[in-house]
Amino acid sequence: MAQSGNTTRRRSGTSSKRSSGSSSNRRTNTRSSKKTSSSTFADYFHAFSKTRFFVPVATVFVITFTILLDLLISWNNFDRFFKILGFALLIVGIIWIIGLVLSFGESSSESHNS
């Protein structure tokens, strides 16, 4: 009979520990829910990419980056700069024409489905 008394004491002791542990979990949950989330560069970029100013700003950025990269590669040799710039313009033109052809293909398939 002495053993059954000890087990009941142990059980009641562990149940009080469990209840105190669950209350501390509740406290930490309420603290963590009050924290504010910080915005990152990716959040701002995603929001900016949905505006109407994104395409012109991105275009100017790409053109400026390409010209500066060509200047860096050419090392102030004007003949080499214009050759590199010509190749860059040819590549951009080819990519633009391929994109145009693909967009016409998509728009014609959408008009046939309607």
PDB file of N, CA and C in Angstrom:
ATOM      1  N   MET A   1       0.803  -1.184   0.000  1.00  0.00           N
ATOM      2  CA  MET A   1       0.000   0.000   0.000  1.00  0.00           C
ATOM      3  C   MET A   1       0.855   1.261   0.000  1.00  0.00           C
ATOM      4  N   ALA A   2       2.016   1.151   0.493  1.00  0.00           N
ATOM      5  CA  ALA A   2       2.908   2.301   0.532  1.00  0.00           C
ATOM      6  C   ALA A   2       3.341   2.693  -0.871  1.00  0.00           C
ATOM      7  N   GLN A   3       3.430   1.705  -1.722  1.00  0.00           N
ATOM      8  CA  GLN A   3       3.862   2.000  -3.085  1.00  0.00           C
ATOM      9  C   GLN A   3       2.780   2.748  -3.851  1.00  0.00           C
ATOM     10  N   SER A   4       1.523   2.428  -3.649  1.00  0.00           N
ATOM     11  CA  SER A   4       0.460   3.115  -4.374  1.00  0.00           C
ATOM     12  C   SER A   4       0.364   4.578  -3.947  1.00  0.00           C
ATOM     13  N   GLY A   5       0.677   4.876  -2.721  1.00  0.00           N
ATOM     14  CA  GLY A   5       0.668   6.251  -2.245  1.00  0.00           C
ATOM     15  C   GLY A   5       1.781   7.076  -2.894  1.00  0.00           C
ATOM     16  N   ASN A   6       2.931   6.455  -3.101  1.00  0.00           N
ATOM     17  CA  ASN A   6       4.047   7.156  -3.726  1.00  0.00           C
ATOM     18  C   ASN A   6       3.763   7.438  -5.202  1.00  0.00           C
ATOM     19  N   THR A   7       3.086   6.521  -5.876  1.00  0.00           N
ATOM     20  CA  THR A   7       2.803   6.736  -7.296  1.00  0.00           C
ATOM     21  C   THR A   7       1.784   7.846  -7.479  1.00  0.00           C
ATOM     22  N   THR A   8       0.835   7.956  -6.566  1.00  0.00           N
ATOM     23  CA  THR A   8      -0.139   9.032  -6.706  1.00  0.00           C
ATOM     24  C   THR A   8       0.531  10.377  -6.453  1.00  0.00           C
ATOM     25  N   ARG A   9       1.470  10.401  -5.548  1.00  0.00           N
ATOM     26  CA  ARG A   9       2.183  11.650  -5.302  1.00  0.00           C
ATOM     27  C   ARG A   9       3.012  12.045  -6.524  1.00  0.00           C
ATOM     28  N   ARG A  10       3.630  11.067  -7.112  1.00  0.00           N
ATOM     29  CA  ARG A  10       4.436  11.359  -8.285  1.00  0.00           C
ATOM     30  C   ARG A  10       3.564  11.852  -9.427  1.00  0.00           C
ATOM     31  N   ARG A  11       2.430  11.231  -9.608  1.00  0.00           N
ATOM     32  CA  ARG A  11       1.541  11.643 -10.699  1.00  0.00           C
ATOM     33  C   ARG A  11       1.028  13.059 -10.471  1.00  0.00           C
ATOM     34  N   SER A  12       0.660  13.354  -9.262  1.00  0.00           N
ATOM     35  CA  SER A  12       0.159  14.697  -8.999  1.00  0.00           C
ATOM     36  C   SER A  12       1.293  15.715  -9.146  1.00  0.00           C
ATOM     37  N   GLY A  13       2.500  15.321  -8.818  1.00  0.00           N
ATOM     38  CA  GLY A  13       3.640  16.212  -8.968  1.00  0.00           C
ATOM     39  C   GLY A  13       3.946  16.477 -10.435  1.00  0.00           C
ATOM     40  N   THR A  14       3.840  15.475 -11.285  1.00  0.00           N
ATOM     41  CA  THR A  14       4.133  15.669 -12.703  1.00  0.00           C
ATOM     42  C   THR A  14       3.016  16.441 -13.382  1.00  0.00           C
ATOM     43  N   SER A  15       1.778  16.259 -12.906  1.00  0.00           N
ATOM     44  CA  SER A  15       0.688  16.995 -13.540  1.00  0.00           C
ATOM     45  C   SER A  15       0.801  18.483 -13.251  1.00  0.00           C
ATOM     46  N   SER A  16       1.307  18.827 -12.071  1.00  0.00           N
ATOM     47  CA  SER A  16       1.475  20.247 -11.786  1.00  0.00           C
ATOM     48  C   SER A  16       2.626  20.813 -12.612  1.00  0.00           C
ATOM     49  N   LYS A  17       3.641  20.009 -12.880  1.00  0.00           N
ATOM     50  CA  LYS A  17       4.733  20.464 -13.729  1.00  0.00           C
ATOM     51  C   LYS A  17       4.257  20.651 -15.159  1.00  0.00           C
ATOM     52  N   ARG A  18       3.413  19.769 -15.609  1.00  0.00           N
ATOM     53  CA  ARG A  18       2.903  19.879 -16.974  1.00  0.00           C
ATOM     54  C   ARG A  18       2.064  21.139 -17.144  1.00  0.00           C
ATOM     55  N   SER A  19       1.243  21.424 -16.167  1.00  0.00           N
ATOM     56  CA  SER A  19       0.389  22.600 -16.293  1.00  0.00           C
ATOM     57  C   SER A  19       1.221  23.880 -16.270  1.00  0.00           C
ATOM     58  N   SER A  20       2.272  23.900 -15.467  1.00  0.00           N
ATOM     59  CA  SER A  20       3.107  25.105 -15.432  1.00  0.00           C
ATOM     60  C   SER A  20       3.893  25.234 -16.734  1.00  0.00           C
ATOM     61  N   GLY A  21       4.295  24.114 -17.320  1.00  0.00           N
ATOM     62  CA  GLY A  21       5.018  24.159 -18.594  1.00  0.00           C
ATOM     63  C   GLY A  21       4.127  24.631 -19.716  1.00  0.00           C
ATOM     64  N   SER A  22       2.863  24.240 -19.728  1.00  0.00           N
ATOM     65  CA  SER A  22       1.962  24.670 -20.798  1.00  0.00           C
ATOM     66  C   SER A  22       1.625  26.146 -20.667  1.00  0.00           C
ATOM     67  N   SER A  23       1.594  26.658 -19.456  1.00  0.00           N
ATOM     68  CA  SER A  23       1.314  28.089 -19.306  1.00  0.00           C
ATOM     69  C   SER A  23       2.495  28.920 -19.798  1.00  0.00           C
ATOM     70  N   SER A  24       3.722  28.413 -19.629  1.00  0.00           N
ATOM     71  CA  SER A  24       4.871  29.160 -20.137  1.00  0.00           C
ATOM     72  C   SER A  24       4.885  29.118 -21.663  1.00  0.00           C
ATOM     73  N   ASN A  25       4.398  28.037 -22.260  1.00  0.00           N
ATOM     74  CA  ASN A  25       4.291  27.982 -23.720  1.00  0.00           C
ATOM     75  C   ASN A  25       3.294  29.009 -24.221  1.00  0.00           C
ATOM     76  N   ARG A  26       2.225  29.194 -23.501  1.00  0.00           N
ATOM     77  CA  ARG A  26       1.232  30.193 -23.896  1.00  0.00           C
ATOM     78  C   ARG A  26       1.825  31.592 -23.842  1.00  0.00           C
ATOM     79  N   ARG A  27       2.636  31.835 -22.837  1.00  0.00           N
ATOM     80  CA  ARG A  27       3.259  33.154 -22.707  1.00  0.00           C
ATOM     81  C   ARG A  27       4.216  33.431 -23.863  1.00  0.00           C
ATOM     82  N   THR A  28       5.003  32.435 -24.251  1.00  0.00           N
ATOM     83  CA  THR A  28       5.947  32.650 -25.353  1.00  0.00           C
ATOM     84  C   THR A  28       5.211  32.790 -26.676  1.00  0.00           C
ATOM     85  N   ASN A  29       4.098  32.109 -26.846  1.00  0.00           N
ATOM     86  CA  ASN A  29       3.333  32.238 -28.078  1.00  0.00           C
ATOM     87  C   ASN A  29       2.754  33.633 -28.231  1.00  0.00           C
ATOM     88  N   THR A  30       2.282  34.218 -27.148  1.00  0.00           N
ATOM     89  CA  THR A  30       1.728  35.564 -27.241  1.00  0.00           C
ATOM     90  C   THR A  30       2.826  36.582 -27.470  1.00  0.00           C
ATOM     91  N   ARG A  31       4.010  36.351 -26.936  1.00  0.00           N
ATOM     92  CA  ARG A  31       5.115  37.272 -27.165  1.00  0.00           C
ATOM     93  C   ARG A  31       5.579  37.228 -28.610  1.00  0.00           C
ATOM     94  N   SER A  32       5.662  36.027 -29.180  1.00  0.00           N
ATOM     95  CA  SER A  32       6.150  35.916 -30.547  1.00  0.00           C
ATOM     96  C   SER A  32       5.138  36.454 -31.559  1.00  0.00           C
ATOM     97  N   SER A  33       3.857  36.427 -31.231  1.00  0.00           N
ATOM     98  CA  SER A  33       2.864  36.945 -32.162  1.00  0.00           C
ATOM     99  C   SER A  33       2.858  38.473 -32.187  1.00  0.00           C
ATOM    100  N   LYS A  34       3.390  39.114 -31.169  1.00  0.00           N
ATOM    101  CA  LYS A  34       3.417  40.572 -31.116  1.00  0.00           C
ATOM    102  C   LYS A  34       4.585  41.163 -31.894  1.00  0.00           C
ATOM    103  N   LYS A  35       5.581  40.339 -32.295  1.00  0.00           N
ATOM    104  CA  LYS A  35       6.737  40.838 -33.021  1.00  0.00           C
ATOM    105  C   LYS A  35       6.315  41.282 -34.420  1.00  0.00           C
ATOM    106  N   THR A  36       6.919  42.361 -34.903  1.00  0.00           N
ATOM    107  CA  THR A  36       6.622  42.838 -36.247  1.00  0.00           C
ATOM    108  C   THR A  36       7.611  42.218 -37.221  1.00  0.00           C
ATOM    109  N   SER A  37       7.136  41.926 -38.421  1.00  0.00           N
ATOM    110  CA  SER A  37       8.021  41.352 -39.424  1.00  0.00           C
ATOM    111  C   SER A  37       8.706  42.486 -40.179  1.00  0.00           C
ATOM    112  N   SER A  38       9.962  42.291 -40.505  1.00  0.00           N
ATOM    113  CA  SER A  38      10.710  43.319 -41.216  1.00  0.00           C
ATOM    114  C   SER A  38      10.658  43.042 -42.712  1.00  0.00           C
ATOM    115  N   SER A  39      10.681  44.089 -43.511  1.00  0.00           N
ATOM    116  CA  SER A  39      10.652  43.960 -44.957  1.00  0.00           C
ATOM    117  C   SER A  39      12.075  43.828 -45.480  1.00  0.00           C
ATOM    118  N   THR A  40      12.239  43.012 -46.496  1.00  0.00           N
ATOM    119  CA  THR A  40      13.549  42.810 -47.094  1.00  0.00           C
ATOM    120  C   THR A  40      13.593  43.451 -48.467  1.00  0.00           C
ATOM    121  N   PHE A  41      14.764  43.424 -49.092  1.00  0.00           N
ATOM    122  CA  PHE A  41      14.934  43.974 -50.434  1.00  0.00           C
ATOM    123  C   PHE A  41      14.052  43.225 -51.424  1.00  0.00           C
ATOM    124  N   ALA A  42      13.906  41.912 -51.240  1.00  0.00           N
ATOM    125  CA  ALA A  42      13.085  41.116 -52.152  1.00  0.00           C
ATOM    126  C   ALA A  42      11.618  41.555 -52.105  1.00  0.00           C
ATOM    127  N   ASP A  43      11.135  41.926 -50.927  1.00  0.00           N
ATOM    128  CA  ASP A  43       9.755  42.405 -50.809  1.00  0.00           C
ATOM    129  C   ASP A  43       9.561  43.707 -51.577  1.00  0.00           C
ATOM    130  N   TYR A  44      10.521  44.628 -51.401  1.00  0.00           N
ATOM    131  CA  TYR A  44      10.421  45.898 -52.123  1.00  0.00           C
ATOM    132  C   TYR A  44      10.551  45.704 -53.632  1.00  0.00           C
ATOM    133  N   PHE A  45      11.471  44.831 -54.062  1.00  0.00           N
ATOM    134  CA  PHE A  45      11.662  44.587 -55.488  1.00  0.00           C
ATOM    135  C   PHE A  45      10.413  43.959 -56.096  1.00  0.00           C
ATOM    136  N   HIS A  46       9.805  43.035 -55.394  1.00  0.00           N
ATOM    137  CA  HIS A  46       8.582  42.392 -55.893  1.00  0.00           C
ATOM    138  C   HIS A  46       7.454  43.414 -56.025  1.00  0.00           C
ATOM    139  N   ALA A  47       7.330  44.298 -55.062  1.00  0.00           N
ATOM    140  CA  ALA A  47       6.297  45.330 -55.133  1.00  0.00           C
ATOM    141  C   ALA A  47       6.594  46.312 -56.267  1.00  0.00           C
ATOM    142  N   PHE A  48       7.877  46.669 -56.455  1.00  0.00           N
ATOM    143  CA  PHE A  48       8.245  47.598 -57.519  1.00  0.00           C
ATOM    144  C   PHE A  48       8.070  46.973 -58.898  1.00  0.00           C
ATOM    145  N   SER A  49       8.282  45.661 -59.002  1.00  0.00           N
ATOM    146  CA  SER A  49       8.154  44.999 -60.305  1.00  0.00           C
ATOM    147  C   SER A  49       6.713  44.978 -60.804  1.00  0.00           C
ATOM    148  N   LYS A  50       5.757  45.220 -59.937  1.00  0.00           N
ATOM    149  CA  LYS A  50       4.354  45.247 -60.346  1.00  0.00           C
ATOM    150  C   LYS A  50       3.873  46.637 -60.749  1.00  0.00           C
ATOM    151  N   THR A  51       4.732  47.657 -60.629  1.00  0.00           N
ATOM    152  CA  THR A  51       4.340  49.010 -61.001  1.00  0.00           C
ATOM    153  C   THR A  51       4.610  49.251 -62.475  1.00  0.00           C
ATOM    154  N   ARG A  52       4.080  50.345 -62.995  1.00  0.00           N
ATOM    155  CA  ARG A  52       4.281  50.656 -64.408  1.00  0.00           C
ATOM    156  C   ARG A  52       5.636  51.284 -64.671  1.00  0.00           C
ATOM    157  N   PHE A  53       6.358  51.686 -63.638  1.00  0.00           N
ATOM    158  CA  PHE A  53       7.679  52.283 -63.801  1.00  0.00           C
ATOM    159  C   PHE A  53       8.790  51.247 -63.883  1.00  0.00           C
ATOM    160  N   PHE A  54       8.468  49.981 -63.667  1.00  0.00           N
ATOM    161  CA  PHE A  54       9.497  48.948 -63.625  1.00  0.00           C
ATOM    162  C   PHE A  54      10.159  48.758 -64.985  1.00  0.00           C
ATOM    163  N   VAL A  55       9.397  48.691 -66.059  1.00  0.00           N
ATOM    164  CA  VAL A  55       9.963  48.415 -67.384  1.00  0.00           C
ATOM    165  C   VAL A  55      10.905  49.532 -67.834  1.00  0.00           C
ATOM    166  N   PRO A  56      10.517  50.818 -67.757  1.00  0.00           N
ATOM    167  CA  PRO A  56      11.478  51.849 -68.178  1.00  0.00           C
ATOM    168  C   PRO A  56      12.733  51.909 -67.304  1.00  0.00           C
ATOM    169  N   VAL A  57      12.568  51.747 -65.991  1.00  0.00           N
ATOM    170  CA  VAL A  57      13.721  51.797 -65.098  1.00  0.00           C
ATOM    171  C   VAL A  57      14.633  50.609 -65.355  1.00  0.00           C
ATOM    172  N   ALA A  58      14.065  49.426 -65.551  1.00  0.00           N
ATOM    173  CA  ALA A  58      14.872  48.247 -65.840  1.00  0.00           C
ATOM    174  C   ALA A  58      15.581  48.385 -67.182  1.00  0.00           C
ATOM    175  N   THR A  59      14.917  48.984 -68.175  1.00  0.00           N
ATOM    176  CA  THR A  59      15.529  49.178 -69.484  1.00  0.00           C
ATOM    177  C   THR A  59      16.727  50.116 -69.394  1.00  0.00           C
ATOM    178  N   VAL A  60      16.560  51.237 -68.699  1.00  0.00           N
ATOM    179  CA  VAL A  60      17.665  52.183 -68.539  1.00  0.00           C
ATOM    180  C   VAL A  60      18.809  51.533 -67.769  1.00  0.00           C
ATOM    181  N   PHE A  61      18.485  50.752 -66.752  1.00  0.00           N
ATOM    182  CA  PHE A  61      19.512  50.075 -65.974  1.00  0.00           C
ATOM    183  C   PHE A  61      20.296  49.082 -66.827  1.00  0.00           C
ATOM    184  N   VAL A  62      19.619  48.300 -67.641  1.00  0.00           N
ATOM    185  CA  VAL A  62      20.293  47.302 -68.478  1.00  0.00           C
ATOM    186  C   VAL A  62      21.161  47.984 -69.529  1.00  0.00           C
ATOM    187  N   ILE A  63      20.655  49.047 -70.156  1.00  0.00           N
ATOM    188  CA  ILE A  63      21.442  49.771 -71.163  1.00  0.00           C
ATOM    189  C   ILE A  63      22.688  50.384 -70.527  1.00  0.00           C
ATOM    190  N   THR A  64      22.532  51.009 -69.378  1.00  0.00           N
ATOM    191  CA  THR A  64      23.671  51.614 -68.689  1.00  0.00           C
ATOM    192  C   THR A  64      24.688  50.568 -68.282  1.00  0.00           C
ATOM    193  N   PHE A  65      24.218  49.456 -67.760  1.00  0.00           N
ATOM    194  CA  PHE A  65      25.116  48.372 -67.354  1.00  0.00           C
ATOM    195  C   PHE A  65      25.877  47.825 -68.553  1.00  0.00           C
ATOM    196  N   THR A  66      25.208  47.655 -69.693  1.00  0.00           N
ATOM    197  CA  THR A  66      25.858  47.118 -70.884  1.00  0.00           C
ATOM    198  C   THR A  66      26.932  48.071 -71.406  1.00  0.00           C
ATOM    199  N   ILE A  67      26.621  49.350 -71.465  1.00  0.00           N
ATOM    200  CA  ILE A  67      27.598  50.328 -71.962  1.00  0.00           C
ATOM    201  C   ILE A  67      28.797  50.423 -71.021  1.00  0.00           C
ATOM    202  N   LEU A  68      28.552  50.436 -69.716  1.00  0.00           N
ATOM    203  CA  LEU A  68      29.660  50.502 -68.768  1.00  0.00           C
ATOM    204  C   LEU A  68      30.515  49.243 -68.809  1.00  0.00           C
ATOM    205  N   LEU A  69      29.885  48.098 -68.988  1.00  0.00           N
ATOM    206  CA  LEU A  69      30.642  46.853 -69.106  1.00  0.00           C
ATOM    207  C   LEU A  69      31.476  46.839 -70.382  1.00  0.00           C
ATOM    208  N   ASP A  70      30.911  47.341 -71.477  1.00  0.00           N
ATOM    209  CA  ASP A  70      31.669  47.440 -72.722  1.00  0.00           C
ATOM    210  C   ASP A  70      32.850  48.390 -72.581  1.00  0.00           C
ATOM    211  N   LEU A  71      32.648  49.512 -71.896  1.00  0.00           N
ATOM    212  CA  LEU A  71      33.759  50.438 -71.654  1.00  0.00           C
ATOM    213  C   LEU A  71      34.846  49.797 -70.800  1.00  0.00           C
ATOM    214  N   LEU A  72      34.442  49.027 -69.815  1.00  0.00           N
ATOM    215  CA  LEU A  72      35.412  48.374 -68.946  1.00  0.00           C
ATOM    216  C   LEU A  72      36.217  47.339 -69.719  1.00  0.00           C
ATOM    217  N   ILE A  73      35.564  46.587 -70.575  1.00  0.00           N
ATOM    218  CA  ILE A  73      36.252  45.554 -71.344  1.00  0.00           C
ATOM    219  C   ILE A  73      37.174  46.170 -72.391  1.00  0.00           C
ATOM    220  N   SER A  74      36.741  47.265 -73.014  1.00  0.00           N
ATOM    221  CA  SER A  74      37.524  47.845 -74.108  1.00  0.00           C
ATOM    222  C   SER A  74      38.752  48.616 -73.622  1.00  0.00           C
ATOM    223  N   TRP A  75      38.823  49.013 -72.388  1.00  0.00           N
ATOM    224  CA  TRP A  75      39.951  49.736 -71.812  1.00  0.00           C
ATOM    225  C   TRP A  75      40.302  50.974 -72.630  1.00  0.00           C
ATOM    226  N   ASN A  76      39.312  51.805 -72.945  1.00  0.00           N
ATOM    227  CA  ASN A  76      39.462  53.070 -73.671  1.00  0.00           C
ATOM    228  C   ASN A  76      39.950  52.905 -75.106  1.00  0.00           C
ATOM    229  N   ASN A  77      39.827  51.735 -75.658  1.00  0.00           N
ATOM    230  CA  ASN A  77      40.122  51.529 -77.068  1.00  0.00           C
ATOM    231  C   ASN A  77      38.789  51.659 -77.802  1.00  0.00           C
ATOM    232  N   PHE A  78      38.608  52.775 -78.524  1.00  0.00           N
ATOM    233  CA  PHE A  78      37.310  53.083 -79.098  1.00  0.00           C
ATOM    234  C   PHE A  78      36.886  52.077 -80.174  1.00  0.00           C
ATOM    235  N   ASP A  79      37.841  51.586 -80.959  1.00  0.00           N
ATOM    236  CA  ASP A  79      37.492  50.597 -81.986  1.00  0.00           C
ATOM    237  C   ASP A  79      36.936  49.327 -81.336  1.00  0.00           C
ATOM    238  N   ARG A  80      37.600  48.873 -80.297  1.00  0.00           N
ATOM    239  CA  ARG A  80      37.149  47.665 -79.595  1.00  0.00           C
ATOM    240  C   ARG A  80      35.797  47.913 -78.917  1.00  0.00           C
ATOM    241  N   PHE A  81      35.586  49.121 -78.346  1.00  0.00           N
ATOM    242  CA  PHE A  81      34.333  49.447 -77.686  1.00  0.00           C
ATOM    243  C   PHE A  81      33.159  49.351 -78.661  1.00  0.00           C
ATOM    244  N   PHE A  82      33.310  49.937 -79.861  1.00  0.00           N
ATOM    245  CA  PHE A  82      32.199  49.917 -80.806  1.00  0.00           C
ATOM    246  C   PHE A  82      31.961  48.523 -81.381  1.00  0.00           C
ATOM    247  N   LYS A  83      33.008  47.714 -81.497  1.00  0.00           N
ATOM    248  CA  LYS A  83      32.816  46.328 -81.937  1.00  0.00           C
ATOM    249  C   LYS A  83      32.026  45.537 -80.894  1.00  0.00           C
ATOM    250  N   ILE A  84      32.423  45.680 -79.636  1.00  0.00           N
ATOM    251  CA  ILE A  84      31.716  44.975 -78.562  1.00  0.00           C
ATOM    252  C   ILE A  84      30.285  45.475 -78.455  1.00  0.00           C
ATOM    253  N   LEU A  85      30.082  46.781 -78.568  1.00  0.00           N
ATOM    254  CA  LEU A  85      28.738  47.340 -78.498  1.00  0.00           C
ATOM    255  C   LEU A  85      27.891  46.852 -79.673  1.00  0.00           C
ATOM    256  N   GLY A  86      28.502  46.739 -80.851  1.00  0.00           N
ATOM    257  CA  GLY A  86      27.781  46.208 -82.015  1.00  0.00           C
ATOM    258  C   GLY A  86      27.349  44.769 -81.803  1.00  0.00           C
ATOM    259  N   PHE A  87      28.240  43.943 -81.254  1.00  0.00           N
ATOM    260  CA  PHE A  87      27.869  42.557 -80.966  1.00  0.00           C
ATOM    261  C   PHE A  87      26.758  42.490 -79.923  1.00  0.00           C
ATOM    262  N   ALA A  88      26.836  43.348 -78.927  1.00  0.00           N
ATOM    263  CA  ALA A  88      25.796  43.371 -77.896  1.00  0.00           C
ATOM    264  C   ALA A  88      24.453  43.770 -78.503  1.00  0.00           C
ATOM    265  N   LEU A  89      24.471  44.767 -79.397  1.00  0.00           N
ATOM    266  CA  LEU A  89      23.224  45.178 -80.056  1.00  0.00           C
ATOM    267  C   LEU A  89      22.671  44.079 -80.947  1.00  0.00           C
ATOM    268  N   LEU A  90      23.538  43.348 -81.637  1.00  0.00           N
ATOM    269  CA  LEU A  90      23.078  42.220 -82.456  1.00  0.00           C
ATOM    270  C   LEU A  90      22.429  41.139 -81.594  1.00  0.00           C
ATOM    271  N   ILE A  91      23.046  40.819 -80.471  1.00  0.00           N
ATOM    272  CA  ILE A  91      22.492  39.792 -79.576  1.00  0.00           C
ATOM    273  C   ILE A  91      21.152  40.240 -79.018  1.00  0.00           C
ATOM    274  N   VAL A  92      21.061  41.483 -78.601  1.00  0.00           N
ATOM    275  CA  VAL A  92      19.799  42.009 -78.060  1.00  0.00           C
ATOM    276  C   VAL A  92      18.726  42.022 -79.142  1.00  0.00           C
ATOM    277  N   GLY A  93      19.097  42.413 -80.361  1.00  0.00           N
ATOM    278  CA  GLY A  93      18.136  42.417 -81.469  1.00  0.00           C
ATOM    279  C   GLY A  93      17.616  41.028 -81.784  1.00  0.00           C
ATOM    280  N   ILE A  94      18.494  40.048 -81.781  1.00  0.00           N
ATOM    281  CA  ILE A  94      18.066  38.667 -82.057  1.00  0.00           C
ATOM    282  C   ILE A  94      17.147  38.163 -80.956  1.00  0.00           C
ATOM    283  N   ILE A  95      17.504  38.436 -79.714  1.00  0.00           N
ATOM    284  CA  ILE A  95      16.648  38.012 -78.594  1.00  0.00           C
ATOM    285  C   ILE A  95      15.296  38.710 -78.664  1.00  0.00           C
ATOM    286  N   TRP A  96      15.283  39.996 -79.031  1.00  0.00           N
ATOM    287  CA  TRP A  96      14.037  40.744 -79.134  1.00  0.00           C
ATOM    288  C   TRP A  96      13.154  40.177 -80.240  1.00  0.00           C
ATOM    289  N   ILE A  97      13.724  39.833 -81.384  1.00  0.00           N
ATOM    290  CA  ILE A  97      12.943  39.263 -82.496  1.00  0.00           C
ATOM    291  C   ILE A  97      12.393  37.898 -82.104  1.00  0.00           C
ATOM    292  N   ILE A  98      13.199  37.078 -81.436  1.00  0.00           N
ATOM    293  CA  ILE A  98      12.710  35.763 -80.990  1.00  0.00           C
ATOM    294  C   ILE A  98      11.559  35.936 -80.006  1.00  0.00           C
ATOM    295  N   GLY A  99      11.684  36.888 -79.074  1.00  0.00           N
ATOM    296  CA  GLY A  99      10.593  37.152 -78.124  1.00  0.00           C
ATOM    297  C   GLY A  99       9.338  37.638 -78.817  1.00  0.00           C
ATOM    298  N   LEU A 100       9.507  38.471 -79.856  1.00  0.00           N
ATOM    299  CA  LEU A 100       8.353  38.962 -80.615  1.00  0.00           C
ATOM    300  C   LEU A 100       7.641  37.817 -81.324  1.00  0.00           C
ATOM    301  N   VAL A 101       8.412  36.931 -81.973  1.00  0.00           N
ATOM    302  CA  VAL A 101       7.821  35.794 -82.688  1.00  0.00           C
ATOM    303  C   VAL A 101       7.089  34.881 -81.716  1.00  0.00           C
ATOM    304  N   LEU A 102       7.695  34.634 -80.565  1.00  0.00           N
ATOM    305  CA  LEU A 102       7.036  33.773 -79.579  1.00  0.00           C
ATOM    306  C   LEU A 102       5.773  34.421 -79.028  1.00  0.00           C
ATOM    307  N   SER A 103       5.776  35.729 -78.836  1.00  0.00           N
ATOM    308  CA  SER A 103       4.577  36.396 -78.316  1.00  0.00           C
ATOM    309  C   SER A 103       3.465  36.403 -79.359  1.00  0.00           C
ATOM    310  N   PHE A 104       3.812  36.520 -80.647  1.00  0.00           N
ATOM    311  CA  PHE A 104       2.787  36.437 -81.684  1.00  0.00           C
ATOM    312  C   PHE A 104       2.191  35.035 -81.736  1.00  0.00           C
ATOM    313  N   GLY A 105       2.999  34.034 -81.521  1.00  0.00           N
ATOM    314  CA  GLY A 105       2.506  32.654 -81.502  1.00  0.00           C
ATOM    315  C   GLY A 105       1.547  32.414 -80.356  1.00  0.00           C
ATOM    316  N   GLU A 106       1.831  32.978 -79.200  1.00  0.00           N
ATOM    317  CA  GLU A 106       0.951  32.829 -78.047  1.00  0.00           C
ATOM    318  C   GLU A 106      -0.348  33.582 -78.231  1.00  0.00           C
ATOM    319  N   SER A 107      -0.281  34.782 -78.805  1.00  0.00           N
ATOM    320  CA  SER A 107      -1.501  35.573 -78.972  1.00  0.00           C
ATOM    321  C   SER A 107      -2.405  34.987 -80.055  1.00  0.00           C
ATOM    322  N   SER A 108      -1.840  34.371 -81.087  1.00  0.00           N
ATOM    323  CA  SER A 108      -2.670  33.767 -82.134  1.00  0.00           C
ATOM    324  C   SER A 108      -3.323  32.494 -81.635  1.00  0.00           C
ATOM    325  N   SER A 109      -2.662  31.734 -80.767  1.00  0.00           N
ATOM    326  CA  SER A 109      -3.280  30.526 -80.216  1.00  0.00           C
ATOM    327  C   SER A 109      -4.389  30.891 -79.238  1.00  0.00           C
ATOM    328  N   GLU A 110      -4.252  32.002 -78.525  1.00  0.00           N
ATOM    329  CA  GLU A 110      -5.298  32.445 -77.598  1.00  0.00           C
ATOM    330  C   GLU A 110      -6.524  32.946 -78.371  1.00  0.00           C
ATOM    331  N   SER A 111      -6.317  33.582 -79.530  1.00  0.00           N
ATOM    332  CA  SER A 111      -7.452  34.085 -80.303  1.00  0.00           C
ATOM    333  C   SER A 111      -8.220  32.936 -80.952  1.00  0.00           C
ATOM    334  N   HIS A 112      -7.568  31.826 -81.292  1.00  0.00           N
ATOM    335  CA  HIS A 112      -8.257  30.670 -81.855  1.00  0.00           C
ATOM    336  C   HIS A 112      -9.063  29.928 -80.802  1.00  0.00           C
ATOM    337  N   ASN A 113      -8.620  29.959 -79.548  1.00  0.00           N
ATOM    338  CA  ASN A 113      -9.323  29.279 -78.471  1.00  0.00           C
ATOM    339  C   ASN A 113     -10.596  30.018 -78.076  1.00  0.00           C
ATOM    340  N   SER A 114     -10.672  31.310 -78.293  1.00  0.00           N
ATOM    341  CA  SER A 114     -11.825  32.102 -77.854  1.00  0.00           C
ATOM    342  C   SER A 114     -13.027  31.919 -78.723  1.00  0.00           C
TER     343      SER A 114
END
